[in-house]
Every structure is written in structure tokens, then in C-alpha cells.
């Protein structure tokens, strides 16, 4: 075999080994991210917010590293991590994640997907806590329009109604707080 033939063969073997290595590395990543997500949510449930944030952050890094085919997972993980940060009292960072997650959810799942609506309510809650009542009201109204159409008896619809009522109470618009 000539030196060019050996070089071609060597390049093919190298590429083949690289491909196998990449496939072996990527294959377990979704499972690892799911495990980290479950670990993080369990930590939050028992009040261990630092452990929850750590596990959920690691899961988010994995989903983000896997590219655009995993945008839905990335958006959901951002929501979970946003919840964890808000539970710790870090409303600014949690809000930033909800904003990013909402953008990803809208693009990957659509405006009226259930997770997008959940995200609208969570971001509305952050804005409400931060005193940004107009922004919160706009998100609750957006969610409520789709929820009344698609999920009229779901708890998310109640969350939107409760959030909007809270906005009206804070703004001393008592009559608007309770729909007729």
C-alpha cells in the first residue's frame, strides 16, 4: 500500500473512532440530564434549594450542549431552575431564566402550548413580586386568553385569574379584581 493509501485509511479510521466516541458520549447525556433534573426537583421538594439549583444547573448545561433538537428540554429545564432560584429568593436571576425559557418555549412549542402558558404565569409572578404590575398583568392576560380557549378547567387558568386579581388589588381596582 502506498503512503497516500495508508494516509487515507488512517484518516478514515480516525474519523470512525471519533464518530464512535462522540456517539458514545452523547447517547447517555439525555438520561444524565433527566436524572439531574429529578435529583434537583427532589432537593427542592425537601427544601434543599442549594442542592436543587446545583443539580438543575448541571442538567441545563447538558440540554444546552445538545443543540437545537433539545430546545424544548432546555426551555423546561430553565423553568425548573428559575423556580429553584425564586424559591431561594433570587427573583432577578429566576426572572431572567423565565424570560429566556419563554422565548424558547414560544419558538419551539408555540404560543398556546401548555408549557408556554405555565411559563407566562411564572414570569408574571416574578414581575408581580418585583412590583412590575403592568408587565405581570400583560402576561396573565396573554395566558388567560389561550387558557380559556384550550384549558378552561385547568389549574393554570386559576393561576392566571389569581395573578390578574392580585394585580388589580395592588392597583386598588377592586371591581376588576372579581369578575362578574
C-alpha atoms as a PDB file:
ATOM      1  CA  UNK A   1       0.000   0.000   0.000  1.00  0.00           C
ATOM      2  CA  UNK A   2       1.293   3.455  -0.894  1.00  0.00           C
ATOM      3  CA  UNK A   3       1.827   6.154   1.669  1.00  0.00           C
ATOM      4  CA  UNK A   4      -1.224   8.030   0.310  1.00  0.00           C
ATOM      5  CA  UNK A   5      -3.320   4.877   0.683  1.00  0.00           C
ATOM      6  CA  UNK A   6      -2.154   4.400   4.266  1.00  0.00           C
ATOM      7  CA  UNK A   7      -2.849   8.067   4.985  1.00  0.00           C
ATOM      8  CA  UNK A   8      -6.417   7.777   3.616  1.00  0.00           C
ATOM      9  CA  UNK A   9      -7.004   4.597   5.595  1.00  0.00           C
ATOM     10  CA  UNK A  10      -5.620   6.243   8.736  1.00  0.00           C
ATOM     11  CA  UNK A  11      -7.909   9.284   8.243  1.00  0.00           C
ATOM     12  CA  UNK A  12     -10.950   7.025   7.834  1.00  0.00           C
ATOM     13  CA  UNK A  13     -10.119   5.024  10.947  1.00  0.00           C
ATOM     14  CA  UNK A  14      -9.522   8.218  12.909  1.00  0.00           C
ATOM     15  CA  UNK A  15     -12.848   9.651  11.751  1.00  0.00           C
ATOM     16  CA  UNK A  16     -14.615   6.374  12.550  1.00  0.00           C
ATOM     17  CA  UNK A  17     -13.148   6.271  16.054  1.00  0.00           C
ATOM     18  CA  UNK A  18     -14.019   9.931  16.588  1.00  0.00           C
ATOM     19  CA  UNK A  19     -17.604   9.281  15.467  1.00  0.00           C
ATOM     20  CA  UNK A  20     -17.974   6.254  17.767  1.00  0.00           C
ATOM     21  CA  UNK A  21     -16.532   8.229  20.668  1.00  0.00           C
ATOM     22  CA  UNK A  22     -18.924  11.125  20.058  1.00  0.00           C
ATOM     23  CA  UNK A  23     -21.903   8.783  19.758  1.00  0.00           C
ATOM     24  CA  UNK A  24     -20.916   7.021  22.974  1.00  0.00           C
ATOM     25  CA  UNK A  25     -20.528  10.361  24.740  1.00  0.00           C
ATOM     26  CA  UNK A  26     -23.810  11.892  23.527  1.00  0.00           C
ATOM     27  CA  UNK A  27     -26.050   8.847  23.975  1.00  0.00           C
ATOM     28  CA  UNK A  28     -26.108   8.884  27.803  1.00  0.00           C
ATOM     29  CA  UNK A  29     -26.441  12.678  28.090  1.00  0.00           C
ATOM     30  CA  UNK A  30     -30.253  12.859  27.942  1.00  0.00           C
ATOM     31  CA  UNK A  31     -30.521  10.211  30.645  1.00  0.00           C
ATOM     32  CA  UNK A  32     -27.975  12.036  32.799  1.00  0.00           C
ATOM     33  CA  UNK A  33     -29.852  15.320  32.344  1.00  0.00           C
ATOM     34  CA  UNK A  34     -33.135  13.624  33.306  1.00  0.00           C
ATOM     35  CA  UNK A  35     -31.510  12.144  36.416  1.00  0.00           C
ATOM     36  CA  UNK A  36     -30.096  15.510  37.414  1.00  0.00           C
ATOM     37  CA  UNK A  37     -33.497  17.110  36.874  1.00  0.00           C
ATOM     38  CA  UNK A  38     -35.188  14.538  39.122  1.00  0.00           C
ATOM     39  CA  UNK A  39     -32.457  14.961  41.737  1.00  0.00           C
ATOM     40  CA  UNK A  40     -32.862  18.736  41.624  1.00  0.00           C
ATOM     41  CA  UNK A  41     -36.645  18.621  41.912  1.00  0.00           C
ATOM     42  CA  UNK A  42     -36.400  16.171  44.835  1.00  0.00           C
ATOM     43  CA  UNK A  43     -33.944  18.506  46.569  1.00  0.00           C
ATOM     44  CA  UNK A  44     -36.344  21.419  46.104  1.00  0.00           C
ATOM     45  CA  UNK A  45     -39.223  19.358  47.485  1.00  0.00           C
ATOM     46  CA  UNK A  46     -37.287  18.763  50.698  1.00  0.00           C
ATOM     47  CA  UNK A  47     -36.220  22.423  50.926  1.00  0.00           C
ATOM     48  CA  UNK A  48     -32.577  21.940  49.935  1.00  0.00           C
ATOM     49  CA  UNK A  49     -32.508  24.788  47.441  1.00  0.00           C
ATOM     50  CA  UNK A  50     -28.719  24.918  47.034  1.00  0.00           C
ATOM     51  CA  UNK A  51     -28.608  21.239  46.019  1.00  0.00           C
ATOM     52  CA  UNK A  52     -31.604  21.766  43.756  1.00  0.00           C
ATOM     53  CA  UNK A  53     -30.004  24.716  41.996  1.00  0.00           C
ATOM     54  CA  UNK A  54     -26.753  22.781  41.551  1.00  0.00           C
ATOM     55  CA  UNK A  55     -28.402  19.706  40.012  1.00  0.00           C
ATOM     56  CA  UNK A  56     -30.775  21.709  37.821  1.00  0.00           C
ATOM     57  CA  UNK A  57     -27.907  23.928  36.612  1.00  0.00           C
ATOM     58  CA  UNK A  58     -25.940  20.844  35.583  1.00  0.00           C
ATOM     59  CA  UNK A  59     -28.980  19.435  33.788  1.00  0.00           C
ATOM     60  CA  UNK A  60     -29.482  22.735  31.966  1.00  0.00           C
ATOM     61  CA  UNK A  61     -25.857  22.744  30.812  1.00  0.00           C
ATOM     62  CA  UNK A  62     -26.334  19.273  29.335  1.00  0.00           C
ATOM     63  CA  UNK A  63     -29.535  20.180  27.470  1.00  0.00           C
ATOM     64  CA  UNK A  64     -27.934  23.355  26.113  1.00  0.00           C
ATOM     65  CA  UNK A  65     -24.874  21.435  24.930  1.00  0.00           C
ATOM     66  CA  UNK A  66     -27.046  19.075  22.896  1.00  0.00           C
ATOM     67  CA  UNK A  67     -28.163  21.729  20.451  1.00  0.00           C
ATOM     68  CA  UNK A  68     -31.402  22.897  18.836  1.00  0.00           C
ATOM     69  CA  UNK A  69     -33.038  19.450  18.746  1.00  0.00           C
ATOM     70  CA  UNK A  70     -33.300  19.718  22.534  1.00  0.00           C
ATOM     71  CA  UNK A  71     -34.690  23.264  22.767  1.00  0.00           C
ATOM     72  CA  UNK A  72     -37.909  22.056  24.426  1.00  0.00           C
ATOM     73  CA  UNK A  73     -35.893  20.320  27.125  1.00  0.00           C
ATOM     74  CA  UNK A  74     -33.710  23.390  27.568  1.00  0.00           C
ATOM     75  CA  UNK A  75     -36.790  25.600  27.980  1.00  0.00           C
ATOM     76  CA  UNK A  76     -38.326  23.253  30.565  1.00  0.00           C
ATOM     77  CA  UNK A  77     -35.070  22.990  32.495  1.00  0.00           C
ATOM     78  CA  UNK A  78     -34.740  26.779  32.518  1.00  0.00           C
ATOM     79  CA  UNK A  79     -38.216  26.959  34.042  1.00  0.00           C
ATOM     80  CA  UNK A  80     -37.284  24.431  36.727  1.00  0.00           C
ATOM     81  CA  UNK A  81     -34.065  26.292  37.542  1.00  0.00           C
ATOM     82  CA  UNK A  82     -35.974  29.591  37.563  1.00  0.00           C
ATOM     83  CA  UNK A  83     -38.368  28.096  40.121  1.00  0.00           C
ATOM     84  CA  UNK A  84     -35.423  26.985  42.261  1.00  0.00           C
ATOM     85  CA  UNK A  85     -33.757  30.394  42.142  1.00  0.00           C
ATOM     86  CA  UNK A  86     -37.009  32.150  43.038  1.00  0.00           C
ATOM     87  CA  UNK A  87     -37.531  29.719  45.920  1.00  0.00           C
ATOM     88  CA  UNK A  88     -34.094  30.791  47.180  1.00  0.00           C
ATOM     89  CA  UNK A  89     -35.238  34.407  46.940  1.00  0.00           C
ATOM     90  CA  UNK A  90     -33.172  35.165  43.849  1.00  0.00           C
ATOM     91  CA  UNK A  91     -36.037  36.688  41.869  1.00  0.00           C
ATOM     92  CA  UNK A  92     -33.854  38.604  39.417  1.00  0.00           C
ATOM     93  CA  UNK A  93     -31.919  35.558  38.213  1.00  0.00           C
ATOM     94  CA  UNK A  94     -35.046  33.403  38.266  1.00  0.00           C
ATOM     95  CA  UNK A  95     -36.866  36.021  36.202  1.00  0.00           C
ATOM     96  CA  UNK A  96     -34.079  36.117  33.618  1.00  0.00           C
ATOM     97  CA  UNK A  97     -34.336  32.354  33.204  1.00  0.00           C
ATOM     98  CA  UNK A  98     -38.129  32.553  32.861  1.00  0.00           C
ATOM     99  CA  UNK A  99     -37.705  35.215  30.157  1.00  0.00           C
ATOM    100  CA  UNK A 100     -35.245  33.051  28.238  1.00  0.00           C
ATOM    101  CA  UNK A 101     -37.402  29.975  28.736  1.00  0.00           C
ATOM    102  CA  UNK A 102     -40.489  31.805  27.497  1.00  0.00           C
ATOM    103  CA  UNK A 103     -38.681  32.823  24.325  1.00  0.00           C
ATOM    104  CA  UNK A 104     -37.538  29.239  23.713  1.00  0.00           C
ATOM    105  CA  UNK A 105     -40.990  27.831  24.546  1.00  0.00           C
ATOM    106  CA  UNK A 106     -42.734  30.164  22.135  1.00  0.00           C
ATOM    107  CA  UNK A 107     -40.335  29.289  19.323  1.00  0.00           C
ATOM    108  CA  UNK A 108     -40.159  25.533  19.910  1.00  0.00           C
ATOM    109  CA  UNK A 109     -43.642  24.679  21.217  1.00  0.00           C
ATOM    110  CA  UNK A 110     -45.861  27.543  20.145  1.00  0.00           C
ATOM    111  CA  UNK A 111     -47.775  30.393  21.743  1.00  0.00           C
ATOM    112  CA  UNK A 112     -50.582  28.231  23.112  1.00  0.00           C
ATOM    113  CA  UNK A 113     -48.646  25.178  24.261  1.00  0.00           C
ATOM    114  CA  UNK A 114     -49.375  24.316  27.879  1.00  0.00           C
ATOM    115  CA  UNK A 115     -45.738  24.767  28.966  1.00  0.00           C
ATOM    116  CA  UNK A 116     -45.633  28.186  27.309  1.00  0.00           C
ATOM    117  CA  UNK A 117     -48.723  29.178  29.289  1.00  0.00           C
ATOM    118  CA  UNK A 118     -47.190  27.899  32.532  1.00  0.00           C
ATOM    119  CA  UNK A 119     -44.106  29.951  31.741  1.00  0.00           C
ATOM    120  CA  UNK A 120     -46.221  33.076  31.169  1.00  0.00           C
ATOM    121  CA  UNK A 121     -47.751  32.655  34.623  1.00  0.00           C
ATOM    122  CA  UNK A 122     -44.404  32.053  36.327  1.00  0.00           C
ATOM    123  CA  UNK A 123     -42.830  35.093  34.715  1.00  0.00           C
ATOM    124  CA  UNK A 124     -45.949  37.081  35.609  1.00  0.00           C
ATOM    125  CA  UNK A 125     -45.466  36.012  39.236  1.00  0.00           C
ATOM    126  CA  UNK A 126     -41.867  37.247  39.175  1.00  0.00           C
ATOM    127  CA  UNK A 127     -42.947  40.604  37.759  1.00  0.00           C
ATOM    128  CA  UNK A 128     -45.676  40.829  40.389  1.00  0.00           C
ATOM    129  CA  UNK A 129     -43.177  40.221  43.207  1.00  0.00           C
ATOM    130  CA  UNK A 130     -40.857  42.812  41.672  1.00  0.00           C
ATOM    131  CA  UNK A 131     -43.680  45.374  41.555  1.00  0.00           C
ATOM    132  CA  UNK A 132     -43.881  45.385  37.751  1.00  0.00           C
ATOM    133  CA  UNK A 133     -47.659  45.095  37.773  1.00  0.00           C
ATOM    134  CA  UNK A 134     -48.289  46.240  34.188  1.00  0.00           C
ATOM    135  CA  UNK A 135     -45.889  43.645  32.802  1.00  0.00           C
ATOM    136  CA  UNK A 136     -47.369  40.968  35.063  1.00  0.00           C
ATOM    137  CA  UNK A 137     -50.923  41.829  34.007  1.00  0.00           C
ATOM    138  CA  UNK A 138     -49.989  41.634  30.317  1.00  0.00           C
ATOM    139  CA  UNK A 139     -48.567  38.124  30.785  1.00  0.00           C
ATOM    140  CA  UNK A 140     -51.551  36.920  32.817  1.00  0.00           C
ATOM    141  CA  UNK A 141     -53.940  38.272  30.170  1.00  0.00           C
ATOM    142  CA  UNK A 142     -51.991  36.594  27.381  1.00  0.00           C
ATOM    143  CA  UNK A 143     -52.028  33.272  29.214  1.00  0.00           C
ATOM    144  CA  UNK A 144     -55.679  33.625  30.166  1.00  0.00           C
ATOM    145  CA  UNK A 145     -56.829  34.146  26.573  1.00  0.00           C
ATOM    146  CA  UNK A 146     -55.331  30.819  25.493  1.00  0.00           C
ATOM    147  CA  UNK A 147     -56.270  29.012  28.721  1.00  0.00           C
ATOM    148  CA  UNK A 148     -59.926  29.956  28.436  1.00  0.00           C
ATOM    149  CA  UNK A 149     -59.920  28.536  24.911  1.00  0.00           C
ATOM    150  CA  UNK A 150     -57.874  25.386  25.485  1.00  0.00           C
ATOM    151  CA  UNK A 151     -57.769  24.669  29.231  1.00  0.00           C
ATOM    152  CA  UNK A 152     -60.833  26.334  30.798  1.00  0.00           C
ATOM    153  CA  UNK A 153     -60.981  23.995  33.816  1.00  0.00           C
ATOM    154  CA  UNK A 154     -57.252  23.674  34.425  1.00  0.00           C
ATOM    155  CA  UNK A 155     -55.386  24.950  37.462  1.00  0.00           C
ATOM    156  CA  UNK A 156     -53.207  27.159  35.216  1.00  0.00           C
ATOM    157  CA  UNK A 157     -56.309  29.125  34.302  1.00  0.00           C
ATOM    158  CA  UNK A 158     -56.921  29.670  38.016  1.00  0.00           C
ATOM    159  CA  UNK A 159     -53.307  30.824  38.423  1.00  0.00           C
ATOM    160  CA  UNK A 160     -53.785  33.408  35.675  1.00  0.00           C
ATOM    161  CA  UNK A 161     -57.041  34.619  37.212  1.00  0.00           C
ATOM    162  CA  UNK A 162     -55.478  34.811  40.680  1.00  0.00           C
ATOM    163  CA  UNK A 163     -52.452  36.687  39.357  1.00  0.00           C
ATOM    164  CA  UNK A 164     -54.604  39.171  37.489  1.00  0.00           C
ATOM    165  CA  UNK A 165     -56.841  39.646  40.529  1.00  0.00           C
ATOM    166  CA  UNK A 166     -53.748  40.324  42.656  1.00  0.00           C
ATOM    167  CA  UNK A 167     -52.592  42.945  40.162  1.00  0.00           C
ATOM    168  CA  UNK A 168     -55.987  44.665  40.389  1.00  0.00           C
ATOM    169  CA  UNK A 169     -55.945  44.588  44.201  1.00  0.00           C
ATOM    170  CA  UNK A 170     -52.448  46.093  44.291  1.00  0.00           C
ATOM    171  CA  UNK A 171     -53.604  48.830  41.935  1.00  0.00           C
ATOM    172  CA  UNK A 172     -56.699  49.371  44.096  1.00  0.00           C
ATOM    173  CA  UNK A 173     -59.009  48.453  41.252  1.00  0.00           C
ATOM    174  CA  UNK A 174     -61.325  46.447  43.472  1.00  0.00           C
ATOM    175  CA  UNK A 175     -64.152  45.994  40.954  1.00  0.00           C
ATOM    176  CA  UNK A 176     -61.791  44.437  38.416  1.00  0.00           C
ATOM    177  CA  UNK A 177     -60.349  42.004  40.974  1.00  0.00           C
ATOM    178  CA  UNK A 178     -63.534  39.885  40.919  1.00  0.00           C
ATOM    179  CA  UNK A 179     -65.041  39.177  37.524  1.00  0.00           C
ATOM    180  CA  UNK A 180     -68.810  39.445  37.334  1.00  0.00           C
END
